[in-house]
């Protein structure tokens, strides 16, 4: 029997909480310009992680939702979970049945972070792509989440930008210095030598 998506999301958050993460399922975050309702919200050492879960076949919708979460500053890292095979054998499943279905289930998972949405490829020259892992179990899902979290918090996004800006400025100043008439520039800016200023006084 198929399980409702909301039940899967809430139980997923409970399982993540049991693994030591502070996870809230089906929460509502109030913002000035409306409401955002992430499926699972985790805060890990100050990093806001949203997990969006959908039934099989809705991967593109998951990607779009995660992009919106990041663009609206709801989270720093968004995990997409496609419930590929999470079924129970009873007609009236209880929470224990749903928990067991998730622990035995199979998922397609992917990750998007603020780094992917920041457009750093124009500075670094390397286009970032969302990570995607197919047909993984619950333990692997947790491992991938922690691995991507570690990579996001350790990624240096400032130095590549500074390096590129320095390269552009150096190139610009080199080209400019070879074409500028210094004496003409002094006249236009009405710059005088120190001795000339004293004589004029």
N, C-alpha and C. Protein backbone atom coordinates (compact mmCIF):
# COMPACT_ATOMS: atom_id res chain seq x y z
N UNK A 1 0.84 -1.20 0.00
CA UNK A 1 0.00 0.00 0.00
C UNK A 1 0.88 1.25 0.00
N UNK A 2 0.48 2.25 -0.76
CA UNK A 2 1.24 3.49 -0.85
C UNK A 2 0.97 4.36 0.37
N UNK A 3 1.99 5.10 0.81
CA UNK A 3 1.88 5.97 1.99
C UNK A 3 1.81 7.41 1.53
N UNK A 4 1.01 8.21 2.25
CA UNK A 4 0.92 9.63 1.92
C UNK A 4 2.27 10.31 2.07
N UNK A 5 2.53 11.24 1.16
CA UNK A 5 3.79 11.97 1.14
C UNK A 5 4.08 12.68 2.47
N UNK A 6 3.06 13.31 3.05
CA UNK A 6 3.24 14.03 4.31
C UNK A 6 3.68 13.08 5.43
N UNK A 7 3.11 11.87 5.46
CA UNK A 7 3.49 10.88 6.47
C UNK A 7 4.96 10.48 6.31
N UNK A 8 5.37 10.31 5.06
CA UNK A 8 6.76 9.96 4.80
C UNK A 8 7.69 11.08 5.26
N UNK A 9 7.32 12.34 4.99
CA UNK A 9 8.16 13.47 5.37
C UNK A 9 8.30 13.59 6.89
N UNK A 10 7.18 13.45 7.59
CA UNK A 10 7.20 13.56 9.05
C UNK A 10 8.04 12.42 9.65
N UNK A 11 7.86 11.21 9.14
CA UNK A 11 8.62 10.09 9.68
C UNK A 11 10.09 10.20 9.32
N UNK A 12 10.39 10.74 8.15
CA UNK A 12 11.79 10.96 7.78
C UNK A 12 12.45 11.91 8.78
N UNK A 13 11.73 12.97 9.16
CA UNK A 13 12.30 13.91 10.13
C UNK A 13 12.51 13.22 11.48
N UNK A 14 11.60 12.33 11.87
CA UNK A 14 11.76 11.60 13.13
C UNK A 14 12.98 10.69 13.09
N UNK A 15 13.16 10.01 11.96
CA UNK A 15 14.32 9.13 11.82
C UNK A 15 15.62 9.93 11.87
N UNK A 16 15.63 11.10 11.24
CA UNK A 16 16.83 11.93 11.27
C UNK A 16 17.10 12.45 12.69
N UNK A 17 16.02 12.73 13.43
CA UNK A 17 16.17 13.16 14.82
C UNK A 17 16.77 12.03 15.65
N UNK A 18 16.33 10.82 15.40
CA UNK A 18 16.89 9.67 16.11
C UNK A 18 18.38 9.50 15.82
N UNK A 19 18.81 9.97 14.65
CA UNK A 19 20.23 9.89 14.28
C UNK A 19 21.03 11.06 14.83
N UNK A 20 20.38 11.94 15.60
CA UNK A 20 21.11 13.03 16.24
C UNK A 20 20.96 14.39 15.60
N UNK A 21 20.14 14.50 14.55
CA UNK A 21 19.93 15.79 13.90
C UNK A 21 18.68 16.45 14.46
N UNK A 22 18.70 17.77 14.56
CA UNK A 22 17.51 18.50 15.02
C UNK A 22 16.61 18.73 13.82
N UNK A 23 15.70 17.80 13.57
CA UNK A 23 14.86 17.85 12.37
C UNK A 23 13.41 18.07 12.76
N UNK A 24 12.73 18.96 12.03
CA UNK A 24 11.31 19.22 12.20
C UNK A 24 10.60 18.89 10.89
N UNK A 25 9.54 18.12 10.96
CA UNK A 25 8.82 17.72 9.75
C UNK A 25 7.61 18.59 9.47
N UNK A 26 7.40 18.93 8.19
CA UNK A 26 6.24 19.70 7.74
C UNK A 26 6.06 20.98 8.56
N UNK A 27 7.14 21.76 8.67
CA UNK A 27 7.08 23.00 9.44
C UNK A 27 6.66 24.16 8.55
N UNK A 28 6.22 25.23 9.18
CA UNK A 28 5.86 26.46 8.45
C UNK A 28 6.79 27.56 8.93
N UNK A 29 7.48 28.19 8.00
CA UNK A 29 8.34 29.31 8.33
C UNK A 29 7.65 30.57 7.84
N UNK A 30 7.39 31.49 8.74
CA UNK A 30 6.70 32.72 8.35
C UNK A 30 7.73 33.77 7.93
N UNK A 31 7.47 34.38 6.78
CA UNK A 31 8.32 35.44 6.25
C UNK A 31 7.45 36.66 5.98
N UNK A 32 8.09 37.79 5.74
CA UNK A 32 7.34 39.01 5.46
C UNK A 32 6.50 38.88 4.19
N UNK A 33 7.00 38.20 3.20
CA UNK A 33 6.31 38.14 1.90
C UNK A 33 5.60 36.80 1.71
N UNK A 34 5.09 36.22 2.75
CA UNK A 34 4.35 34.98 2.58
C UNK A 34 4.88 33.86 3.45
N UNK A 35 4.42 32.64 3.15
CA UNK A 35 4.80 31.49 3.95
C UNK A 35 5.57 30.49 3.11
N UNK A 36 6.55 29.87 3.76
CA UNK A 36 7.29 28.79 3.12
C UNK A 36 7.04 27.55 3.96
N UNK A 37 6.77 26.45 3.32
CA UNK A 37 6.47 25.22 4.05
C UNK A 37 7.40 24.10 3.62
N UNK A 38 8.63 24.10 4.15
CA UNK A 38 9.53 23.00 3.79
C UNK A 38 9.05 21.70 4.41
N UNK A 39 9.35 20.59 3.74
CA UNK A 39 8.92 19.29 4.25
C UNK A 39 9.66 18.94 5.54
N UNK A 40 10.97 19.11 5.54
CA UNK A 40 11.78 18.85 6.73
C UNK A 40 12.79 19.98 6.87
N UNK A 41 12.90 20.52 8.07
CA UNK A 41 13.85 21.60 8.34
C UNK A 41 14.85 21.13 9.39
N UNK A 42 16.14 21.29 9.08
CA UNK A 42 17.21 20.90 10.01
C UNK A 42 18.12 22.10 10.19
N UNK A 43 18.54 22.34 11.43
CA UNK A 43 19.59 23.33 11.65
C UNK A 43 20.78 22.58 12.22
N UNK A 44 21.89 22.65 11.50
CA UNK A 44 23.09 21.91 11.88
C UNK A 44 24.26 22.88 11.99
N UNK A 45 24.66 23.17 13.22
CA UNK A 45 25.76 24.11 13.47
C UNK A 45 25.57 25.44 12.75
N UNK A 46 24.35 25.95 12.79
CA UNK A 46 24.06 27.24 12.17
C UNK A 46 23.70 27.18 10.70
N UNK A 47 23.83 26.02 10.08
CA UNK A 47 23.50 25.85 8.66
C UNK A 47 22.06 25.35 8.57
N UNK A 48 21.22 26.08 7.83
CA UNK A 48 19.83 25.68 7.64
C UNK A 48 19.73 24.72 6.46
N UNK A 49 19.21 23.53 6.74
CA UNK A 49 19.06 22.51 5.71
C UNK A 49 17.58 22.19 5.56
N UNK A 50 17.09 22.26 4.34
CA UNK A 50 15.71 21.88 4.04
C UNK A 50 15.75 20.60 3.23
N UNK A 51 14.90 19.66 3.61
CA UNK A 51 14.74 18.42 2.84
C UNK A 51 13.35 18.43 2.24
N UNK A 52 13.29 18.32 0.93
CA UNK A 52 12.01 18.27 0.21
C UNK A 52 11.80 16.84 -0.29
N UNK A 53 10.67 16.26 0.06
CA UNK A 53 10.37 14.89 -0.34
C UNK A 53 9.15 14.81 -1.24
N UNK A 54 9.28 14.01 -2.31
CA UNK A 54 8.16 13.82 -3.24
C UNK A 54 8.11 12.35 -3.65
N UNK A 55 6.93 11.95 -4.10
CA UNK A 55 6.77 10.59 -4.63
C UNK A 55 7.57 10.44 -5.93
N UNK A 56 7.76 9.20 -6.34
CA UNK A 56 8.53 8.91 -7.55
C UNK A 56 7.92 9.59 -8.77
N UNK A 57 8.78 10.09 -9.65
CA UNK A 57 8.34 10.72 -10.89
C UNK A 57 8.23 12.23 -10.81
N UNK A 58 8.52 12.82 -9.64
CA UNK A 58 8.39 14.27 -9.49
C UNK A 58 9.74 14.95 -9.26
N UNK A 59 10.78 14.40 -9.87
CA UNK A 59 12.14 14.92 -9.64
C UNK A 59 12.28 16.38 -10.08
N UNK A 60 11.78 16.71 -11.26
CA UNK A 60 11.91 18.09 -11.76
C UNK A 60 11.21 19.08 -10.85
N UNK A 61 10.09 18.68 -10.28
CA UNK A 61 9.38 19.54 -9.33
C UNK A 61 10.23 19.75 -8.07
N UNK A 62 10.91 18.70 -7.63
CA UNK A 62 11.80 18.81 -6.47
C UNK A 62 12.92 19.81 -6.72
N UNK A 63 13.52 19.73 -7.90
CA UNK A 63 14.62 20.65 -8.24
C UNK A 63 14.11 22.09 -8.21
N UNK A 64 12.95 22.32 -8.79
CA UNK A 64 12.38 23.67 -8.83
C UNK A 64 12.08 24.19 -7.43
N UNK A 65 11.52 23.33 -6.58
CA UNK A 65 11.21 23.73 -5.20
C UNK A 65 12.50 24.10 -4.46
N UNK A 66 13.53 23.27 -4.61
CA UNK A 66 14.79 23.54 -3.91
C UNK A 66 15.44 24.83 -4.41
N UNK A 67 15.37 25.08 -5.70
CA UNK A 67 15.91 26.34 -6.22
C UNK A 67 15.19 27.53 -5.60
N UNK A 68 13.87 27.44 -5.46
CA UNK A 68 13.10 28.52 -4.84
C UNK A 68 13.45 28.69 -3.37
N UNK A 69 13.64 27.58 -2.66
CA UNK A 69 14.02 27.65 -1.24
C UNK A 69 15.33 28.42 -1.08
N UNK A 70 16.29 28.12 -1.93
CA UNK A 70 17.60 28.78 -1.85
C UNK A 70 17.51 30.23 -2.28
N UNK A 71 16.79 30.49 -3.36
CA UNK A 71 16.68 31.86 -3.87
C UNK A 71 15.94 32.77 -2.90
N UNK A 72 15.03 32.20 -2.09
CA UNK A 72 14.28 32.98 -1.10
C UNK A 72 14.94 32.96 0.28
N UNK A 73 16.17 32.45 0.34
CA UNK A 73 16.96 32.45 1.57
C UNK A 73 16.29 31.69 2.71
N UNK A 74 15.55 30.64 2.36
CA UNK A 74 14.94 29.79 3.39
C UNK A 74 15.99 28.87 3.99
N UNK A 75 16.97 28.48 3.18
CA UNK A 75 17.99 27.54 3.66
C UNK A 75 19.32 27.81 2.97
N UNK A 76 20.36 27.15 3.49
CA UNK A 76 21.69 27.21 2.89
C UNK A 76 21.97 25.98 2.02
N UNK A 77 21.30 24.89 2.36
CA UNK A 77 21.47 23.63 1.64
C UNK A 77 20.10 22.98 1.52
N UNK A 78 19.78 22.51 0.32
CA UNK A 78 18.49 21.85 0.10
C UNK A 78 18.74 20.44 -0.43
N UNK A 79 18.09 19.49 0.22
CA UNK A 79 18.22 18.09 -0.18
C UNK A 79 16.91 17.64 -0.81
N UNK A 80 17.01 17.02 -1.97
CA UNK A 80 15.83 16.50 -2.67
C UNK A 80 15.75 15.00 -2.43
N UNK A 81 14.59 14.54 -1.99
CA UNK A 81 14.40 13.12 -1.74
C UNK A 81 13.19 12.65 -2.55
N UNK A 82 13.45 11.74 -3.47
CA UNK A 82 12.37 11.13 -4.25
C UNK A 82 12.12 9.74 -3.68
N UNK A 83 10.92 9.53 -3.13
CA UNK A 83 10.59 8.25 -2.52
C UNK A 83 10.30 7.24 -3.62
N UNK A 84 11.32 6.46 -3.98
CA UNK A 84 11.20 5.54 -5.11
C UNK A 84 10.44 4.27 -4.71
N UNK A 85 10.81 3.71 -3.57
CA UNK A 85 10.19 2.46 -3.14
C UNK A 85 10.06 2.47 -1.62
N UNK A 86 8.94 2.98 -1.13
CA UNK A 86 8.66 3.03 0.32
C UNK A 86 7.22 2.59 0.53
N UNK A 87 7.01 1.30 0.49
CA UNK A 87 5.65 0.77 0.58
C UNK A 87 5.51 -0.12 1.81
N UNK A 88 4.29 -0.18 2.32
CA UNK A 88 3.98 -1.07 3.44
C UNK A 88 3.07 -2.17 2.94
N UNK A 89 3.07 -3.28 3.67
CA UNK A 89 2.28 -4.44 3.23
C UNK A 89 0.91 -4.51 3.88
N UNK A 90 0.65 -3.65 4.88
CA UNK A 90 -0.65 -3.70 5.55
C UNK A 90 -1.61 -2.66 4.98
N UNK A 91 -2.91 -2.90 5.13
CA UNK A 91 -3.92 -1.98 4.64
C UNK A 91 -4.08 -0.76 5.54
N UNK A 92 -3.81 -0.92 6.82
CA UNK A 92 -3.91 0.20 7.78
C UNK A 92 -2.57 0.38 8.48
N UNK A 93 -1.62 1.03 7.79
CA UNK A 93 -0.29 1.15 8.39
C UNK A 93 -0.27 2.11 9.57
N UNK A 94 0.49 1.75 10.59
CA UNK A 94 0.71 2.67 11.71
C UNK A 94 2.09 3.31 11.55
N UNK A 95 2.47 4.14 12.51
CA UNK A 95 3.75 4.85 12.40
C UNK A 95 4.94 3.89 12.35
N UNK A 96 4.85 2.79 13.07
CA UNK A 96 5.93 1.80 13.06
C UNK A 96 6.10 1.20 11.65
N UNK A 97 4.96 0.95 10.97
CA UNK A 97 5.01 0.42 9.61
C UNK A 97 5.66 1.42 8.65
N UNK A 98 5.30 2.70 8.81
CA UNK A 98 5.87 3.74 7.95
C UNK A 98 7.37 3.89 8.20
N UNK A 99 7.73 3.83 9.47
CA UNK A 99 9.15 3.91 9.84
C UNK A 99 9.93 2.77 9.20
N UNK A 100 9.37 1.57 9.30
CA UNK A 100 10.02 0.40 8.72
C UNK A 100 10.12 0.52 7.20
N UNK A 101 9.07 1.08 6.58
CA UNK A 101 9.08 1.26 5.12
C UNK A 101 10.21 2.21 4.70
N UNK A 102 10.43 3.27 5.48
CA UNK A 102 11.52 4.20 5.16
C UNK A 102 12.89 3.56 5.39
N UNK A 103 13.03 2.84 6.48
CA UNK A 103 14.32 2.20 6.77
C UNK A 103 14.68 1.17 5.72
N UNK A 104 13.67 0.52 5.14
CA UNK A 104 13.92 -0.47 4.09
C UNK A 104 13.80 0.13 2.69
N UNK A 105 13.37 1.39 2.61
CA UNK A 105 13.04 2.01 1.33
C UNK A 105 14.25 2.36 0.47
N UNK A 106 13.92 2.78 -0.75
CA UNK A 106 14.93 3.21 -1.72
C UNK A 106 14.58 4.63 -2.14
N UNK A 107 15.61 5.44 -2.36
CA UNK A 107 15.42 6.86 -2.64
C UNK A 107 16.35 7.32 -3.76
N UNK A 108 15.91 8.33 -4.48
CA UNK A 108 16.81 9.12 -5.32
C UNK A 108 17.03 10.42 -4.56
N UNK A 109 18.28 10.79 -4.35
CA UNK A 109 18.55 12.01 -3.58
C UNK A 109 19.45 12.94 -4.38
N UNK A 110 19.28 14.22 -4.11
CA UNK A 110 20.12 15.23 -4.77
C UNK A 110 20.29 16.41 -3.85
N UNK A 111 21.26 17.26 -4.17
CA UNK A 111 21.59 18.38 -3.30
C UNK A 111 21.82 19.65 -4.11
N UNK A 112 21.30 20.75 -3.60
CA UNK A 112 21.58 22.08 -4.12
C UNK A 112 21.96 22.95 -2.93
N UNK A 113 22.95 23.82 -3.12
CA UNK A 113 23.33 24.72 -2.03
C UNK A 113 23.36 26.15 -2.55
N UNK A 114 23.54 27.07 -1.62
CA UNK A 114 23.63 28.48 -2.02
C UNK A 114 24.82 28.69 -2.95
N UNK A 115 25.82 27.84 -2.87
CA UNK A 115 26.98 27.94 -3.75
C UNK A 115 26.56 27.68 -5.20
N UNK A 116 25.68 26.69 -5.39
CA UNK A 116 25.18 26.37 -6.74
C UNK A 116 24.36 27.52 -7.31
N UNK A 117 23.65 28.24 -6.46
CA UNK A 117 22.76 29.31 -6.91
C UNK A 117 23.44 30.67 -6.97
N UNK A 118 24.67 30.78 -6.46
CA UNK A 118 25.34 32.08 -6.40
C UNK A 118 25.95 32.50 -7.73
N UNK A 119 26.02 31.60 -8.69
CA UNK A 119 26.59 31.94 -10.00
C UNK A 119 28.09 32.11 -9.97
N UNK A 120 28.76 31.30 -9.15
CA UNK A 120 30.22 31.44 -9.03
C UNK A 120 30.96 30.97 -10.27
N UNK A 121 30.25 30.28 -11.18
CA UNK A 121 30.92 29.79 -12.37
C UNK A 121 31.50 30.93 -13.20
N UNK A 122 30.89 32.14 -13.14
CA UNK A 122 31.44 33.26 -13.91
C UNK A 122 32.74 33.76 -13.31
N UNK A 123 32.98 33.44 -12.02
CA UNK A 123 34.23 33.84 -11.37
C UNK A 123 35.27 32.74 -11.44
N UNK A 124 34.82 31.50 -11.28
CA UNK A 124 35.78 30.39 -11.22
C UNK A 124 35.96 29.71 -12.57
N UNK A 125 34.99 29.90 -13.48
CA UNK A 125 35.09 29.24 -14.78
C UNK A 125 34.59 27.80 -14.75
N UNK A 126 34.15 27.32 -13.58
CA UNK A 126 33.66 25.96 -13.45
C UNK A 126 32.19 25.99 -13.08
N UNK A 127 31.34 25.48 -13.97
CA UNK A 127 29.91 25.47 -13.70
C UNK A 127 29.58 24.38 -12.70
N UNK A 128 28.83 24.73 -11.67
CA UNK A 128 28.46 23.74 -10.66
C UNK A 128 27.16 23.06 -11.07
N UNK A 129 27.07 21.78 -10.76
CA UNK A 129 25.87 21.01 -11.09
C UNK A 129 25.33 20.39 -9.81
N UNK A 130 24.02 20.30 -9.70
CA UNK A 130 23.45 19.63 -8.52
C UNK A 130 23.92 18.18 -8.45
N UNK A 131 24.25 17.75 -7.25
CA UNK A 131 24.65 16.35 -7.07
C UNK A 131 23.40 15.49 -7.03
N UNK A 132 23.50 14.29 -7.61
CA UNK A 132 22.36 13.38 -7.63
C UNK A 132 22.84 11.95 -7.43
N UNK A 133 22.14 11.21 -6.57
CA UNK A 133 22.47 9.82 -6.30
C UNK A 133 21.19 9.01 -6.43
N UNK A 134 21.27 7.93 -7.19
CA UNK A 134 20.08 7.15 -7.52
C UNK A 134 20.01 5.86 -6.70
N UNK A 135 18.78 5.48 -6.33
CA UNK A 135 18.49 4.20 -5.71
C UNK A 135 19.36 3.93 -4.49
N UNK A 136 19.28 4.81 -3.50
CA UNK A 136 20.08 4.65 -2.28
C UNK A 136 19.16 4.28 -1.12
N UNK A 137 19.73 3.64 -0.10
CA UNK A 137 19.00 3.29 1.10
C UNK A 137 19.05 4.42 2.12
N UNK A 138 18.37 4.22 3.25
CA UNK A 138 18.29 5.27 4.26
C UNK A 138 19.66 5.63 4.82
N UNK A 139 20.48 4.65 5.13
CA UNK A 139 21.81 4.93 5.69
C UNK A 139 22.67 5.72 4.72
N UNK A 140 22.58 5.37 3.44
CA UNK A 140 23.34 6.10 2.42
C UNK A 140 22.81 7.53 2.27
N UNK A 141 21.50 7.70 2.39
CA UNK A 141 20.89 9.02 2.33
C UNK A 141 21.50 9.92 3.40
N UNK A 142 21.62 9.40 4.60
CA UNK A 142 22.19 10.16 5.72
C UNK A 142 23.67 10.45 5.48
N UNK A 143 24.38 9.47 4.95
CA UNK A 143 25.82 9.65 4.67
C UNK A 143 26.04 10.74 3.63
N UNK A 144 25.26 10.72 2.56
CA UNK A 144 25.38 11.75 1.52
C UNK A 144 25.06 13.13 2.08
N UNK A 145 24.02 13.22 2.93
CA UNK A 145 23.66 14.49 3.53
C UNK A 145 24.82 15.07 4.33
N UNK A 146 25.43 14.26 5.18
CA UNK A 146 26.53 14.74 6.02
C UNK A 146 27.76 15.07 5.17
N UNK A 147 27.99 14.32 4.12
CA UNK A 147 29.12 14.58 3.23
C UNK A 147 28.97 15.91 2.51
N UNK A 148 27.77 16.16 1.97
CA UNK A 148 27.53 17.42 1.25
C UNK A 148 27.56 18.59 2.23
N UNK A 149 27.00 18.40 3.42
CA UNK A 149 27.05 19.46 4.45
C UNK A 149 28.50 19.84 4.74
N UNK A 150 29.36 18.84 4.93
CA UNK A 150 30.78 19.12 5.22
C UNK A 150 31.44 19.88 4.09
N UNK A 151 31.11 19.51 2.85
CA UNK A 151 31.70 20.17 1.70
C UNK A 151 31.22 21.61 1.59
N UNK A 152 29.94 21.85 1.87
CA UNK A 152 29.38 23.20 1.77
C UNK A 152 30.04 24.13 2.80
N UNK A 153 30.18 23.66 4.04
CA UNK A 153 30.75 24.54 5.08
C UNK A 153 32.24 24.75 4.90
N UNK A 154 32.91 23.85 4.19
CA UNK A 154 34.36 24.01 4.03
C UNK A 154 34.74 24.67 2.70
N UNK A 155 33.77 24.89 1.81
CA UNK A 155 34.07 25.49 0.51
C UNK A 155 34.38 26.97 0.66
N UNK A 156 35.51 27.37 0.11
CA UNK A 156 35.91 28.78 0.13
C UNK A 156 35.34 29.45 -1.11
N UNK A 157 34.34 30.32 -0.91
CA UNK A 157 33.73 30.98 -2.07
C UNK A 157 34.26 32.40 -2.26
N UNK A 158 35.00 32.92 -1.29
CA UNK A 158 35.48 34.30 -1.37
C UNK A 158 36.78 34.40 -2.15
N UNK A 159 37.75 33.53 -1.82
CA UNK A 159 39.07 33.65 -2.46
C UNK A 159 39.05 33.49 -3.98
N UNK A 160 38.26 32.56 -4.56
CA UNK A 160 38.22 32.50 -6.03
C UNK A 160 37.70 33.80 -6.65
N UNK A 161 36.73 34.44 -6.00
CA UNK A 161 36.19 35.71 -6.50
C UNK A 161 37.24 36.81 -6.40
N UNK A 162 37.92 36.87 -5.25
CA UNK A 162 38.98 37.88 -5.06
C UNK A 162 40.09 37.68 -6.08
N UNK A 163 40.48 36.42 -6.30
CA UNK A 163 41.54 36.13 -7.26
C UNK A 163 41.15 36.59 -8.66
N UNK A 164 39.92 36.30 -9.06
CA UNK A 164 39.46 36.69 -10.40
C UNK A 164 39.39 38.20 -10.53
N UNK A 165 38.90 38.87 -9.48
CA UNK A 165 38.83 40.34 -9.52
C UNK A 165 40.23 40.95 -9.62
N UNK A 166 41.18 40.40 -8.88
CA UNK A 166 42.57 40.88 -8.96
C UNK A 166 43.14 40.71 -10.36
N UNK A 167 42.84 39.56 -10.97
CA UNK A 167 43.33 39.31 -12.33
C UNK A 167 42.75 40.34 -13.31
N UNK A 168 41.45 40.60 -13.18
CA UNK A 168 40.79 41.56 -14.08
C UNK A 168 41.34 42.97 -13.86
N UNK A 169 41.49 43.38 -12.60
CA UNK A 169 42.01 44.71 -12.29
C UNK A 169 43.45 44.88 -12.74
N UNK A 170 44.27 43.85 -12.55
CA UNK A 170 45.66 43.90 -12.98
C UNK A 170 45.75 44.03 -14.50
N UNK A 171 44.95 43.24 -15.19
CA UNK A 171 44.92 43.29 -16.65
C UNK A 171 44.47 44.66 -17.14
N UNK A 172 43.42 45.20 -16.50
CA UNK A 172 42.89 46.52 -16.87
C UNK A 172 43.95 47.61 -16.64
N UNK A 173 44.58 47.59 -15.48
CA UNK A 173 45.57 48.64 -15.16
C UNK A 173 46.80 48.54 -16.06
N UNK A 174 47.20 47.33 -16.44
CA UNK A 174 48.34 47.15 -17.34
C UNK A 174 48.03 47.75 -18.71
N UNK A 175 46.84 47.45 -19.22
CA UNK A 175 46.45 47.99 -20.53
C UNK A 175 46.29 49.50 -20.47
N UNK A 176 45.73 49.99 -19.39
CA UNK A 176 45.48 51.42 -19.23
C UNK A 176 46.79 52.21 -19.13
N UNK A 177 47.74 51.67 -18.37
CA UNK A 177 48.99 52.40 -18.15
C UNK A 177 49.80 52.59 -19.43
N UNK A 178 49.64 51.68 -20.38
CA UNK A 178 50.40 51.80 -21.63
C UNK A 178 49.75 52.76 -22.63
N UNK A 179 48.51 53.18 -22.37
CA UNK A 179 47.82 54.04 -23.33
C UNK A 179 47.55 55.45 -22.79
N UNK A 180 47.84 55.69 -21.54
CA UNK A 180 47.51 56.98 -20.93
C UNK A 180 48.68 57.96 -21.07
N UNK A 181 48.36 59.17 -21.50
CA UNK A 181 49.34 60.26 -21.54
C UNK A 181 49.32 60.91 -20.16
N UNK A 182 50.35 60.67 -19.37
CA UNK A 182 50.38 61.12 -17.97
C UNK A 182 50.30 62.64 -17.88
N UNK A 183 51.04 63.34 -18.75
CA UNK A 183 51.04 64.81 -18.69
C UNK A 183 49.66 65.37 -19.01
N UNK A 184 49.01 64.80 -20.01
CA UNK A 184 47.65 65.23 -20.36
C UNK A 184 46.68 64.97 -19.21
N UNK A 185 46.81 63.80 -18.56
CA UNK A 185 45.96 63.44 -17.44
C UNK A 185 46.15 64.42 -16.28
N UNK A 186 47.39 64.84 -16.03
CA UNK A 186 47.67 65.81 -14.97
C UNK A 186 46.99 67.14 -15.27
N UNK A 187 47.06 67.56 -16.54
CA UNK A 187 46.41 68.81 -16.93
C UNK A 187 44.90 68.75 -16.74
N UNK A 188 44.28 67.63 -17.18
CA UNK A 188 42.83 67.48 -17.08
C UNK A 188 42.38 67.46 -15.62
N UNK A 189 43.14 66.79 -14.77
CA UNK A 189 42.79 66.69 -13.36
C UNK A 189 43.32 67.87 -12.55
N UNK A 190 44.01 68.80 -13.24
CA UNK A 190 44.59 69.97 -12.62
C UNK A 190 45.51 69.61 -11.46
N UNK A 191 46.33 68.60 -11.71
CA UNK A 191 47.30 68.17 -10.72
C UNK A 191 48.60 68.93 -10.95
N UNK A 192 49.22 69.37 -9.87
CA UNK A 192 50.49 70.10 -9.96
C UNK A 192 51.52 69.40 -9.11
N UNK A 193 52.75 69.57 -9.51
CA UNK A 193 53.84 69.04 -8.71
C UNK A 193 53.91 69.83 -7.41
N UNK A 194 54.52 69.28 -6.42
CA UNK A 194 54.62 69.94 -5.11
C UNK A 194 55.31 71.29 -5.21
N UNK A 195 56.38 71.35 -5.98
CA UNK A 195 57.12 72.61 -6.15
C UNK A 195 56.29 73.67 -6.85
N UNK A 196 55.49 73.25 -7.82
CA UNK A 196 54.65 74.19 -8.57
C UNK A 196 53.61 74.82 -7.66
N UNK A 197 53.02 74.02 -6.75
CA UNK A 197 52.01 74.55 -5.82
C UNK A 197 52.61 75.64 -4.94
N UNK A 198 53.84 75.38 -4.45
CA UNK A 198 54.49 76.37 -3.58
C UNK A 198 54.79 77.64 -4.33
N UNK A 199 55.25 77.54 -5.62
CA UNK A 199 55.55 78.72 -6.41
C UNK A 199 54.29 79.53 -6.66
N UNK A 200 53.16 78.81 -6.90
CA UNK A 200 51.90 79.50 -7.18
C UNK A 200 51.39 80.28 -5.97
N UNK A 201 51.74 79.85 -4.78
CA UNK A 201 51.28 80.52 -3.59
C UNK A 201 52.11 81.78 -3.39
